[in-house]
């Protein structure tokens, strides 16, 4: 099949990933990689595990005081992480 117009390679790759339903894990990994950039190195130092399951980000925090502070800012963190990922990836965060 020959295309009549030229397209950017990045656009073609995104279309392929979407067709193969591989774009979800890609966005999830983007969001996890954005955690230290969005929240900073001080919070990253207290974070030991991050994973996403059913649109919920699970974060293990070693400081109970920090966990409480993050709970108060949970909605802002969700919005910032989703914005950084480029799409809505998570709808909730569970701090453990």
PDB file of N, CA and C in Angstrom:
ATOM      1  N   UNK A   1       0.838  -1.172   0.000  1.00  0.00           N
ATOM      2  CA  UNK A   1       0.000   0.000   0.000  1.00  0.00           C
ATOM      3  C   UNK A   1       0.890   1.244   0.000  1.00  0.00           C
ATOM      4  N   UNK A   2       0.646   2.120  -0.896  1.00  0.00           N
ATOM      5  CA  UNK A   2       1.463   3.319  -1.037  1.00  0.00           C
ATOM      6  C   UNK A   2       0.644   4.539  -0.616  1.00  0.00           C
ATOM      7  N   UNK A   3       1.228   5.349   0.242  1.00  0.00           N
ATOM      8  CA  UNK A   3       0.552   6.563   0.699  1.00  0.00           C
ATOM      9  C   UNK A   3       0.847   7.711  -0.260  1.00  0.00           C
ATOM     10  N   UNK A   4      -0.101   8.589  -0.412  1.00  0.00           N
ATOM     11  CA  UNK A   4       0.069   9.711  -1.329  1.00  0.00           C
ATOM     12  C   UNK A   4       0.716  10.913  -0.651  1.00  0.00           C
ATOM     13  N   UNK A   5       0.555  11.034   0.649  1.00  0.00           N
ATOM     14  CA  UNK A   5       1.159  12.170   1.338  1.00  0.00           C
ATOM     15  C   UNK A   5       2.187  11.666   2.352  1.00  0.00           C
ATOM     16  N   UNK A   6       3.137  12.511   2.664  1.00  0.00           N
ATOM     17  CA  UNK A   6       4.160  12.133   3.635  1.00  0.00           C
ATOM     18  C   UNK A   6       3.648  12.416   5.040  1.00  0.00           C
ATOM     19  N   UNK A   7       4.064  11.563   5.958  1.00  0.00           N
ATOM     20  CA  UNK A   7       3.691  11.738   7.357  1.00  0.00           C
ATOM     21  C   UNK A   7       4.938  11.612   8.206  1.00  0.00           C
ATOM     22  N   UNK A   8       4.899  12.233   9.365  1.00  0.00           N
ATOM     23  CA  UNK A   8       6.032  12.148  10.269  1.00  0.00           C
ATOM     24  C   UNK A   8       6.106  10.749  10.872  1.00  0.00           C
ATOM     25  N   UNK A   9       7.316  10.283  11.081  1.00  0.00           N
ATOM     26  CA  UNK A   9       7.530   8.952  11.634  1.00  0.00           C
ATOM     27  C   UNK A   9       6.907   8.821  13.021  1.00  0.00           C
ATOM     28  N   UNK A  10       7.020   9.861  13.838  1.00  0.00           N
ATOM     29  CA  UNK A  10       6.442   9.833  15.184  1.00  0.00           C
ATOM     30  C   UNK A  10       4.937   9.621  15.152  1.00  0.00           C
ATOM     31  N   UNK A  11       4.262  10.258  14.205  1.00  0.00           N
ATOM     32  CA  UNK A  11       2.817  10.097  14.057  1.00  0.00           C
ATOM     33  C   UNK A  11       2.469   8.674  13.658  1.00  0.00           C
ATOM     34  N   UNK A  12       3.233   8.112  12.741  1.00  0.00           N
ATOM     35  CA  UNK A  12       2.988   6.728  12.311  1.00  0.00           C
ATOM     36  C   UNK A  12       3.208   5.737  13.452  1.00  0.00           C
ATOM     37  N   UNK A  13       4.241   5.965  14.247  1.00  0.00           N
ATOM     38  CA  UNK A  13       4.510   5.070  15.383  1.00  0.00           C
ATOM     39  C   UNK A  13       3.379   5.157  16.396  1.00  0.00           C
ATOM     40  N   UNK A  14       2.908   6.372  16.691  1.00  0.00           N
ATOM     41  CA  UNK A  14       1.797   6.532  17.632  1.00  0.00           C
ATOM     42  C   UNK A  14       0.545   5.825  17.127  1.00  0.00           C
ATOM     43  N   UNK A  15       0.254   5.940  15.848  1.00  0.00           N
ATOM     44  CA  UNK A  15      -0.913   5.259  15.275  1.00  0.00           C
ATOM     45  C   UNK A  15      -0.771   3.749  15.394  1.00  0.00           C
ATOM     46  N   UNK A  16       0.426   3.237  15.115  1.00  0.00           N
ATOM     47  CA  UNK A  16       0.670   1.801  15.222  1.00  0.00           C
ATOM     48  C   UNK A  16       0.485   1.322  16.661  1.00  0.00           C
ATOM     49  N   UNK A  17       1.055   2.048  17.616  1.00  0.00           N
ATOM     50  CA  UNK A  17       0.927   1.660  19.024  1.00  0.00           C
ATOM     51  C   UNK A  17      -0.530   1.672  19.468  1.00  0.00           C
ATOM     52  N   UNK A  18      -1.267   2.661  18.999  1.00  0.00           N
ATOM     53  CA  UNK A  18      -2.683   2.743  19.352  1.00  0.00           C
ATOM     54  C   UNK A  18      -3.462   1.579  18.747  1.00  0.00           C
ATOM     55  N   UNK A  19      -3.184   1.233  17.509  1.00  0.00           N
ATOM     56  CA  UNK A  19      -3.871   0.114  16.855  1.00  0.00           C
ATOM     57  C   UNK A  19      -3.573  -1.205  17.559  1.00  0.00           C
ATOM     58  N   UNK A  20      -2.358  -1.363  18.036  1.00  0.00           N
ATOM     59  CA  UNK A  20      -1.952  -2.601  18.707  1.00  0.00           C
ATOM     60  C   UNK A  20      -2.257  -2.573  20.210  1.00  0.00           C
ATOM     61  N   UNK A  21      -2.901  -1.498  20.666  1.00  0.00           N
ATOM     62  CA  UNK A  21      -3.246  -1.302  22.075  1.00  0.00           C
ATOM     63  C   UNK A  21      -2.009  -1.340  22.978  1.00  0.00           C
ATOM     64  N   UNK A  22      -0.939  -0.756  22.497  1.00  0.00           N
ATOM     65  CA  UNK A  22       0.302  -0.674  23.260  1.00  0.00           C
ATOM     66  C   UNK A  22       0.561   0.734  23.789  1.00  0.00           C
ATOM     67  N   UNK A  23      -0.324   1.673  23.471  1.00  0.00           N
ATOM     68  CA  UNK A  23      -0.096   3.040  23.908  1.00  0.00           C
ATOM     69  C   UNK A  23      -0.353   3.227  25.400  1.00  0.00           C
ATOM     70  N   UNK A  24      -1.235   2.428  26.002  1.00  0.00           N
ATOM     71  CA  UNK A  24      -1.516   2.531  27.436  1.00  0.00           C
ATOM     72  C   UNK A  24      -0.285   2.307  28.289  1.00  0.00           C
ATOM     73  N   UNK A  25       0.411   1.172  28.116  1.00  0.00           N
ATOM     74  CA  UNK A  25       1.632   0.951  28.900  1.00  0.00           C
ATOM     75  C   UNK A  25       2.712   2.010  28.648  1.00  0.00           C
ATOM     76  N   UNK A  26       2.757   2.536  27.443  1.00  0.00           N
ATOM     77  CA  UNK A  26       3.726   3.583  27.135  1.00  0.00           C
ATOM     78  C   UNK A  26       3.435   4.840  27.958  1.00  0.00           C
ATOM     79  N   UNK A  27       2.171   5.254  28.003  1.00  0.00           N
ATOM     80  CA  UNK A  27       1.794   6.424  28.794  1.00  0.00           C
ATOM     81  C   UNK A  27       1.988   6.170  30.282  1.00  0.00           C
ATOM     82  N   UNK A  28       1.715   4.953  30.737  1.00  0.00           N
ATOM     83  CA  UNK A  28       1.932   4.620  32.146  1.00  0.00           C
ATOM     84  C   UNK A  28       3.404   4.763  32.509  1.00  0.00           C
ATOM     85  N   UNK A  29       4.275   4.274  31.659  1.00  0.00           N
ATOM     86  CA  UNK A  29       5.713   4.381  31.933  1.00  0.00           C
ATOM     87  C   UNK A  29       6.169   5.833  31.892  1.00  0.00           C
ATOM     88  N   UNK A  30       5.599   6.613  30.981  1.00  0.00           N
ATOM     89  CA  UNK A  30       5.911   8.042  30.926  1.00  0.00           C
ATOM     90  C   UNK A  30       5.538   8.729  32.234  1.00  0.00           C
ATOM     91  N   UNK A  31       4.368   8.379  32.755  1.00  0.00           N
ATOM     92  CA  UNK A  31       3.903   8.979  34.000  1.00  0.00           C
ATOM     93  C   UNK A  31       4.813   8.578  35.158  1.00  0.00           C
ATOM     94  N   UNK A  32       5.182   7.311  35.248  1.00  0.00           N
ATOM     95  CA  UNK A  32       6.067   6.851  36.324  1.00  0.00           C
ATOM     96  C   UNK A  32       7.427   7.538  36.222  1.00  0.00           C
ATOM     97  N   UNK A  33       7.933   7.688  35.015  1.00  0.00           N
ATOM     98  CA  UNK A  33       9.217   8.375  34.827  1.00  0.00           C
ATOM     99  C   UNK A  33       9.133   9.856  35.182  1.00  0.00           C
ATOM    100  N   UNK A  34       7.939  10.441  35.112  1.00  0.00           N
ATOM    101  CA  UNK A  34       7.761  11.858  35.415  1.00  0.00           C
ATOM    102  C   UNK A  34       7.679  12.134  36.911  1.00  0.00           C
ATOM    103  N   UNK A  35       7.481  11.103  37.727  1.00  0.00           N
ATOM    104  CA  UNK A  35       7.317  11.284  39.175  1.00  0.00           C
ATOM    105  C   UNK A  35       8.420  12.157  39.785  1.00  0.00           C
ATOM    106  N   UNK A  36       9.717  11.847  39.600  1.00  0.00           N
ATOM    107  CA  UNK A  36      10.744  12.687  40.228  1.00  0.00           C
ATOM    108  C   UNK A  36      10.778  14.108  39.671  1.00  0.00           C
ATOM    109  N   UNK A  37      10.465  14.261  38.401  1.00  0.00           N
ATOM    110  CA  UNK A  37      10.489  15.593  37.795  1.00  0.00           C
ATOM    111  C   UNK A  37       9.331  16.448  38.300  1.00  0.00           C
ATOM    112  N   UNK A  38       8.158  15.856  38.424  1.00  0.00           N
ATOM    113  CA  UNK A  38       6.969  16.598  38.849  1.00  0.00           C
ATOM    114  C   UNK A  38       7.027  16.914  40.343  1.00  0.00           C
ATOM    115  N   UNK A  39       7.456  15.950  41.160  1.00  0.00           N
ATOM    116  CA  UNK A  39       7.433  16.131  42.612  1.00  0.00           C
ATOM    117  C   UNK A  39       8.772  16.517  43.220  1.00  0.00           C
ATOM    118  N   UNK A  40       9.836  16.362  42.479  1.00  0.00           N
ATOM    119  CA  UNK A  40      11.141  16.802  42.964  1.00  0.00           C
ATOM    120  C   UNK A  40      11.963  15.700  43.612  1.00  0.00           C
ATOM    121  N   UNK A  41      13.267  15.937  43.726  1.00  0.00           N
ATOM    122  CA  UNK A  41      14.176  14.916  44.258  1.00  0.00           C
ATOM    123  C   UNK A  41      13.984  14.642  45.746  1.00  0.00           C
ATOM    124  N   UNK A  42      13.508  15.627  46.515  1.00  0.00           N
ATOM    125  CA  UNK A  42      13.310  15.400  47.952  1.00  0.00           C
ATOM    126  C   UNK A  42      12.225  14.362  48.200  1.00  0.00           C
ATOM    127  N   UNK A  43      11.131  14.456  47.476  1.00  0.00           N
ATOM    128  CA  UNK A  43      10.050  13.477  47.629  1.00  0.00           C
ATOM    129  C   UNK A  43      10.473  12.144  47.027  1.00  0.00           C
ATOM    130  N   UNK A  44      11.204  12.178  45.930  1.00  0.00           N
ATOM    131  CA  UNK A  44      11.693  10.944  45.307  1.00  0.00           C
ATOM    132  C   UNK A  44      12.550  10.144  46.282  1.00  0.00           C
ATOM    133  N   UNK A  45      13.281  10.826  47.155  1.00  0.00           N
ATOM    134  CA  UNK A  45      14.149  10.143  48.120  1.00  0.00           C
ATOM    135  C   UNK A  45      13.346   9.284  49.096  1.00  0.00           C
ATOM    136  N   UNK A  46      12.091   9.634  49.342  1.00  0.00           N
ATOM    137  CA  UNK A  46      11.238   8.873  50.260  1.00  0.00           C
ATOM    138  C   UNK A  46      10.324   7.887  49.539  1.00  0.00           C
ATOM    139  N   UNK A  47      10.434   7.821  48.222  1.00  0.00           N
ATOM    140  CA  UNK A  47       9.598   6.938  47.414  1.00  0.00           C
ATOM    141  C   UNK A  47      10.369   5.669  47.090  1.00  0.00           C
ATOM    142  N   UNK A  48       9.760   4.505  47.379  1.00  0.00           N
ATOM    143  CA  UNK A  48      10.484   3.262  47.104  1.00  0.00           C
ATOM    144  C   UNK A  48       9.841   2.409  46.019  1.00  0.00           C
ATOM    145  N   UNK A  49       8.577   2.605  45.717  1.00  0.00           N
ATOM    146  CA  UNK A  49       7.932   1.788  44.680  1.00  0.00           C
ATOM    147  C   UNK A  49       6.792   2.568  44.039  1.00  0.00           C
ATOM    148  N   UNK A  50       6.672   2.416  42.727  1.00  0.00           N
ATOM    149  CA  UNK A  50       5.587   3.027  41.954  1.00  0.00           C
ATOM    150  C   UNK A  50       5.079   2.009  40.953  1.00  0.00           C
ATOM    151  N   UNK A  51       3.763   1.835  40.906  1.00  0.00           N
ATOM    152  CA  UNK A  51       3.186   1.028  39.831  1.00  0.00           C
ATOM    153  C   UNK A  51       1.742   1.457  39.614  1.00  0.00           C
ATOM    154  N   UNK A  52       1.222   1.152  38.427  1.00  0.00           N
ATOM    155  CA  UNK A  52      -0.138   1.534  38.056  1.00  0.00           C
ATOM    156  C   UNK A  52      -0.937   0.275  37.784  1.00  0.00           C
ATOM    157  N   UNK A  53      -2.140   0.237  38.359  1.00  0.00           N
ATOM    158  CA  UNK A  53      -3.058  -0.875  38.118  1.00  0.00           C
ATOM    159  C   UNK A  53      -4.472  -0.304  38.075  1.00  0.00           C
ATOM    160  N   UNK A  54      -5.178  -0.576  36.998  1.00  0.00           N
ATOM    161  CA  UNK A  54      -6.561  -0.106  36.820  1.00  0.00           C
ATOM    162  C   UNK A  54      -6.696   1.403  37.018  1.00  0.00           C
ATOM    163  N   UNK A  55      -5.798   2.147  36.386  1.00  0.00           N
ATOM    164  CA  UNK A  55      -5.798   3.618  36.420  1.00  0.00           C
ATOM    165  C   UNK A  55      -5.557   4.201  37.804  1.00  0.00           C
ATOM    166  N   UNK A  56      -4.984   3.412  38.709  1.00  0.00           N
ATOM    167  CA  UNK A  56      -4.636   3.883  40.047  1.00  0.00           C
ATOM    168  C   UNK A  56      -3.121   3.765  40.210  1.00  0.00           C
ATOM    169  N   UNK A  57      -2.492   4.861  40.611  1.00  0.00           N
ATOM    170  CA  UNK A  57      -1.057   4.868  40.873  1.00  0.00           C
ATOM    171  C   UNK A  57      -0.837   4.509  42.336  1.00  0.00           C
ATOM    172  N   UNK A  58      -0.061   3.469  42.571  1.00  0.00           N
ATOM    173  CA  UNK A  58       0.285   3.040  43.926  1.00  0.00           C
ATOM    174  C   UNK A  58       1.711   3.495  44.210  1.00  0.00           C
ATOM    175  N   UNK A  59       1.868   4.223  45.319  1.00  0.00           N
ATOM    176  CA  UNK A  59       3.167   4.790  45.677  1.00  0.00           C
ATOM    177  C   UNK A  59       3.496   4.398  47.110  1.00  0.00           C
ATOM    178  N   UNK A  60       4.677   3.834  47.324  1.00  0.00           N
ATOM    179  CA  UNK A  60       5.138   3.502  48.669  1.00  0.00           C
ATOM    180  C   UNK A  60       6.017   4.649  49.159  1.00  0.00           C
ATOM    181  N   UNK A  61       5.591   5.257  50.265  1.00  0.00           N
ATOM    182  CA  UNK A  61       6.295   6.394  50.859  1.00  0.00           C
ATOM    183  C   UNK A  61       6.793   5.970  52.241  1.00  0.00           C
ATOM    184  N   UNK A  62       8.061   6.230  52.536  1.00  0.00           N
ATOM    185  CA  UNK A  62       8.639   5.781  53.806  1.00  0.00           C
ATOM    186  C   UNK A  62       8.397   6.745  54.963  1.00  0.00           C
ATOM    187  N   UNK A  63       7.881   7.924  54.698  1.00  0.00           N
ATOM    188  CA  UNK A  63       7.629   8.916  55.743  1.00  0.00           C
ATOM    189  C   UNK A  63       6.127   9.137  55.902  1.00  0.00           C
ATOM    190  N   UNK A  64       5.621   8.912  57.108  1.00  0.00           N
ATOM    191  CA  UNK A  64       4.183   9.097  57.342  1.00  0.00           C
ATOM    192  C   UNK A  64       3.789  10.571  57.246  1.00  0.00           C
ATOM    193  N   UNK A  65       4.670  11.461  57.649  1.00  0.00           N
ATOM    194  CA  UNK A  65       4.385  12.895  57.562  1.00  0.00           C
ATOM    195  C   UNK A  65       4.273  13.316  56.095  1.00  0.00           C
ATOM    196  N   UNK A  66       5.210  12.869  55.280  1.00  0.00           N
ATOM    197  CA  UNK A  66       5.166  13.171  53.847  1.00  0.00           C
ATOM    198  C   UNK A  66       3.935  12.545  53.201  1.00  0.00           C
ATOM    199  N   UNK A  67       3.594  11.334  53.598  1.00  0.00           N
ATOM    200  CA  UNK A  67       2.405  10.657  53.066  1.00  0.00           C
ATOM    201  C   UNK A  67       1.162  11.513  53.323  1.00  0.00           C
ATOM    202  N   UNK A  68       1.051  12.063  54.530  1.00  0.00           N
ATOM    203  CA  UNK A  68      -0.097  12.907  54.868  1.00  0.00           C
ATOM    204  C   UNK A  68      -0.104  14.179  54.014  1.00  0.00           C
ATOM    205  N   UNK A  69       1.056  14.805  53.853  1.00  0.00           N
ATOM    206  CA  UNK A  69       1.142  16.016  53.024  1.00  0.00           C
ATOM    207  C   UNK A  69       0.754  15.731  51.575  1.00  0.00           C
ATOM    208  N   UNK A  70       1.200  14.591  51.054  1.00  0.00           N
ATOM    209  CA  UNK A  70       0.860  14.231  49.677  1.00  0.00           C
ATOM    210  C   UNK A  70      -0.631  13.937  49.531  1.00  0.00           C
ATOM    211  N   UNK A  71      -1.233  13.356  50.559  1.00  0.00           N
ATOM    212  CA  UNK A  71      -2.682  13.102  50.519  1.00  0.00           C
ATOM    213  C   UNK A  71      -3.464  14.402  50.369  1.00  0.00           C
ATOM    214  N   UNK A  72      -2.994  15.452  51.033  1.00  0.00           N
ATOM    215  CA  UNK A  72      -3.676  16.742  50.949  1.00  0.00           C
ATOM    216  C   UNK A  72      -3.578  17.353  49.551  1.00  0.00           C
ATOM    217  N   UNK A  73      -2.537  16.999  48.807  1.00  0.00           N
ATOM    218  CA  UNK A  73      -2.322  17.543  47.459  1.00  0.00           C
ATOM    219  C   UNK A  73      -2.607  16.521  46.366  1.00  0.00           C
ATOM    220  N   UNK A  74      -3.322  15.469  46.699  1.00  0.00           N
ATOM    221  CA  UNK A  74      -3.495  14.347  45.779  1.00  0.00           C
ATOM    222  C   UNK A  74      -4.076  14.756  44.424  1.00  0.00           C
ATOM    223  N   UNK A  75      -5.125  15.553  44.408  1.00  0.00           N
ATOM    224  CA  UNK A  75      -5.763  15.925  43.142  1.00  0.00           C
ATOM    225  C   UNK A  75      -4.824  16.741  42.263  1.00  0.00           C
ATOM    226  N   UNK A  76      -4.074  17.647  42.864  1.00  0.00           N
ATOM    227  CA  UNK A  76      -3.113  18.447  42.096  1.00  0.00           C
ATOM    228  C   UNK A  76      -2.009  17.564  41.519  1.00  0.00           C
ATOM    229  N   UNK A  77      -1.570  16.572  42.284  1.00  0.00           N
ATOM    230  CA  UNK A  77      -0.530  15.658  41.811  1.00  0.00           C
ATOM    231  C   UNK A  77      -1.047  14.846  40.630  1.00  0.00           C
ATOM    232  N   UNK A  78      -2.282  14.355  40.727  1.00  0.00           N
ATOM    233  CA  UNK A  78      -2.886  13.582  39.636  1.00  0.00           C
ATOM    234  C   UNK A  78      -2.929  14.419  38.363  1.00  0.00           C
ATOM    235  N   UNK A  79      -3.396  15.659  38.481  1.00  0.00           N
ATOM    236  CA  UNK A  79      -3.494  16.536  37.312  1.00  0.00           C
ATOM    237  C   UNK A  79      -2.118  16.823  36.713  1.00  0.00           C
ATOM    238  N   UNK A  80      -1.133  17.084  37.556  1.00  0.00           N
ATOM    239  CA  UNK A  80       0.221  17.376  37.065  1.00  0.00           C
ATOM    240  C   UNK A  80       0.835  16.180  36.358  1.00  0.00           C
ATOM    241  N   UNK A  81       0.688  14.991  36.943  1.00  0.00           N
ATOM    242  CA  UNK A  81       1.254  13.788  36.331  1.00  0.00           C
ATOM    243  C   UNK A  81       0.570  13.471  35.002  1.00  0.00           C
ATOM    244  N   UNK A  82      -0.758  13.578  34.961  1.00  0.00           N
ATOM    245  CA  UNK A  82      -1.481  13.326  33.707  1.00  0.00           C
ATOM    246  C   UNK A  82      -1.083  14.339  32.634  1.00  0.00           C
ATOM    247  N   UNK A  83      -0.940  15.590  33.029  1.00  0.00           N
ATOM    248  CA  UNK A  83      -0.535  16.626  32.076  1.00  0.00           C
ATOM    249  C   UNK A  83       0.856  16.307  31.526  1.00  0.00           C
ATOM    250  N   UNK A  84       1.737  15.875  32.397  1.00  0.00           N
ATOM    251  CA  UNK A  84       3.102  15.554  31.968  1.00  0.00           C
ATOM    252  C   UNK A  84       3.126  14.331  31.050  1.00  0.00           C
ATOM    253  N   UNK A  85       2.230  13.368  31.284  1.00  0.00           N
ATOM    254  CA  UNK A  85       2.164  12.164  30.441  1.00  0.00           C
ATOM    255  C   UNK A  85       1.525  12.454  29.087  1.00  0.00           C
ATOM    256  N   UNK A  86       0.745  13.529  29.002  1.00  0.00           N
ATOM    257  CA  UNK A  86       0.136  13.896  27.731  1.00  0.00           C
ATOM    258  C   UNK A  86      -1.278  13.385  27.542  1.00  0.00           C
ATOM    259  N   UNK A  87      -1.795  12.636  28.500  1.00  0.00           N
ATOM    260  CA  UNK A  87      -3.159  12.118  28.443  1.00  0.00           C
ATOM    261  C   UNK A  87      -3.566  11.696  29.852  1.00  0.00           C
ATOM    262  N   UNK A  88      -4.844  11.403  30.036  1.00  0.00           N
ATOM    263  CA  UNK A  88      -5.313  10.944  31.343  1.00  0.00           C
ATOM    264  C   UNK A  88      -4.918   9.481  31.506  1.00  0.00           C
ATOM    265  N   UNK A  89      -3.968   9.239  32.393  1.00  0.00           N
ATOM    266  CA  UNK A  89      -3.457   7.895  32.634  1.00  0.00           C
ATOM    267  C   UNK A  89      -3.990   7.350  33.949  1.00  0.00           C
ATOM    268  N   UNK A  90      -4.042   8.216  34.969  1.00  0.00           N
ATOM    269  CA  UNK A  90      -4.505   7.774  36.289  1.00  0.00           C
ATOM    270  C   UNK A  90      -5.691   8.621  36.734  1.00  0.00           C
ATOM    271  N   UNK A  91      -6.530   8.020  37.562  1.00  0.00           N
ATOM    272  CA  UNK A  91      -7.663   8.745  38.134  1.00  0.00           C
ATOM    273  C   UNK A  91      -7.561   8.829  39.652  1.00  0.00           C
ATOM    274  N   UNK A  92      -6.615   8.099  40.240  1.00  0.00           N
ATOM    275  CA  UNK A  92      -6.457   8.102  41.693  1.00  0.00           C
ATOM    276  C   UNK A  92      -5.019   7.725  42.045  1.00  0.00           C
ATOM    277  N   UNK A  93      -4.627   8.081  43.266  1.00  0.00           N
ATOM    278  CA  UNK A  93      -3.320   7.691  43.806  1.00  0.00           C
ATOM    279  C   UNK A  93      -3.550   7.091  45.182  1.00  0.00           C
ATOM    280  N   UNK A  94      -2.879   5.986  45.454  1.00  0.00           N
ATOM    281  CA  UNK A  94      -2.898   5.370  46.780  1.00  0.00           C
ATOM    282  C   UNK A  94      -1.485   5.467  47.333  1.00  0.00           C
ATOM    283  N   UNK A  95      -1.360   6.154  48.468  1.00  0.00           N
ATOM    284  CA  UNK A  95      -0.063   6.262  49.139  1.00  0.00           C
ATOM    285  C   UNK A  95      -0.002   5.211  50.225  1.00  0.00           C
ATOM    286  N   UNK A  96       1.051   4.414  50.210  1.00  0.00           N
ATOM    287  CA  UNK A  96       1.215   3.348  51.204  1.00  0.00           C
ATOM    288  C   UNK A  96       2.406   3.627  52.066  1.00  0.00           C
TER     289      UNK A  96
END
